[in-house]
């Protein structure tokens, strides 16, 4: 398995629309990332590397009262998003 291409992952899996989309939490983003890696034959890297790649590409995070982070204005797209949603929400099947 190869090292993940974060730019391709972000392009394949997210749409940015700060005006219309609610925020996605770090658990959802990392879950989609793991699904994307598995579907693309890549080894997932640590969450800290993903957050750094998102910061470098201009994805702005906000700190929540719970100590977690969220990224406003992101929505999911693509096969990895579908895989993650169906895996994390089996009641949808």
Protein backbone atom coordinates (compact mmCIF):
# COMPACT_ATOMS: atom_id res chain seq x y z
CA UNK A 1 0.00 0.00 0.00
CA UNK A 2 1.22 3.48 -0.80
CA UNK A 3 1.20 6.71 1.17
CA UNK A 4 -2.10 8.58 0.82
CA UNK A 5 -2.40 11.53 -1.51
CA UNK A 6 -4.24 14.05 0.70
CA UNK A 7 -4.95 16.46 -2.15
CA UNK A 8 -6.68 13.73 -4.14
CA UNK A 9 -8.57 12.53 -1.05
CA UNK A 10 -9.90 16.02 -0.32
CA UNK A 11 -10.87 16.54 -3.97
CA UNK A 12 -12.56 13.12 -4.22
CA UNK A 13 -14.52 13.32 -0.98
CA UNK A 14 -15.50 16.89 -0.09
CA UNK A 15 -17.28 19.93 -1.47
CA UNK A 16 -16.75 23.32 0.12
CA UNK A 17 -19.70 25.69 0.48
CA UNK A 18 -19.25 27.84 3.55
CA UNK A 19 -22.61 29.53 3.02
CA UNK A 20 -24.82 26.45 2.92
CA UNK A 21 -23.16 23.46 4.59
CA UNK A 22 -23.02 22.58 8.27
CA UNK A 23 -19.72 21.59 9.84
CA UNK A 24 -18.24 18.09 9.69
CA UNK A 25 -16.57 16.75 12.81
CA UNK A 26 -13.12 15.20 12.92
CA UNK A 27 -14.52 11.69 13.46
CA UNK A 28 -16.54 11.87 10.24
CA UNK A 29 -13.66 13.31 8.22
CA UNK A 30 -11.20 10.68 9.45
CA UNK A 31 -13.80 7.93 8.89
CA UNK A 32 -14.24 8.99 5.26
CA UNK A 33 -10.45 9.18 4.94
CA UNK A 34 -10.04 5.57 6.14
CA UNK A 35 -12.77 4.41 3.74
CA UNK A 36 -11.09 6.29 0.88
CA UNK A 37 -7.71 4.73 1.68
CA UNK A 38 -9.18 1.23 1.75
CA UNK A 39 -11.03 1.76 -1.55
CA UNK A 40 -7.85 3.14 -3.16
CA UNK A 41 -5.36 0.60 -1.80
CA UNK A 42 -3.54 3.11 0.37
CA UNK A 43 -2.37 2.85 3.97
CA UNK A 44 -4.10 5.45 6.17
CA UNK A 45 -1.73 7.89 7.83
CA UNK A 46 -2.18 9.33 11.31
CA UNK A 47 -4.96 11.82 11.94
CA UNK A 48 -2.41 14.54 12.73
CA UNK A 49 -1.01 14.28 9.19
CA UNK A 50 -4.48 14.61 7.71
CA UNK A 51 -5.27 17.69 9.83
CA UNK A 52 -1.96 19.27 8.81
CA UNK A 53 -2.70 18.58 5.13
CA UNK A 54 -6.13 20.15 5.49
CA UNK A 55 -4.64 23.22 7.19
CA UNK A 56 -2.04 23.57 4.40
CA UNK A 57 -4.79 23.46 1.78
CA UNK A 58 -6.90 26.16 3.46
CA UNK A 59 -9.53 24.06 5.20
CA UNK A 60 -10.37 26.04 8.33
CA UNK A 61 -11.25 24.20 11.53
CA UNK A 62 -13.12 25.47 14.56
CA UNK A 63 -12.67 24.37 18.14
CA UNK A 64 -15.83 23.04 19.83
CA UNK A 65 -16.65 23.28 23.53
CA UNK A 66 -16.14 19.52 23.80
CA UNK A 67 -12.45 19.87 22.94
CA UNK A 68 -13.01 18.41 19.48
CA UNK A 69 -12.72 20.17 16.12
CA UNK A 70 -15.07 20.68 13.22
CA UNK A 71 -14.68 22.02 9.71
CA UNK A 72 -17.55 24.29 8.62
CA UNK A 73 -18.77 24.44 5.05
CA UNK A 74 -17.85 20.88 4.06
CA UNK A 75 -20.16 18.28 2.59
CA UNK A 76 -19.38 14.70 1.66
CA UNK A 77 -19.29 13.28 -1.86
CA UNK A 78 -18.06 10.20 -3.69
CA UNK A 79 -17.83 6.45 -3.11
CA UNK A 80 -15.74 6.70 0.08
CA UNK A 81 -18.38 8.96 1.65
CA UNK A 82 -21.10 6.45 0.76
CA UNK A 83 -18.98 3.59 2.13
CA UNK A 84 -18.36 5.47 5.38
CA UNK A 85 -22.02 6.44 5.84
CA UNK A 86 -23.28 2.90 5.22
CA UNK A 87 -20.61 1.40 7.47
CA UNK A 88 -21.21 3.84 10.33
CA UNK A 89 -25.02 3.83 9.97
CA UNK A 90 -26.03 0.20 9.30
CA UNK A 91 -29.67 1.06 10.06
CA UNK A 92 -29.76 2.82 6.67
CA UNK A 93 -29.43 -0.51 4.84
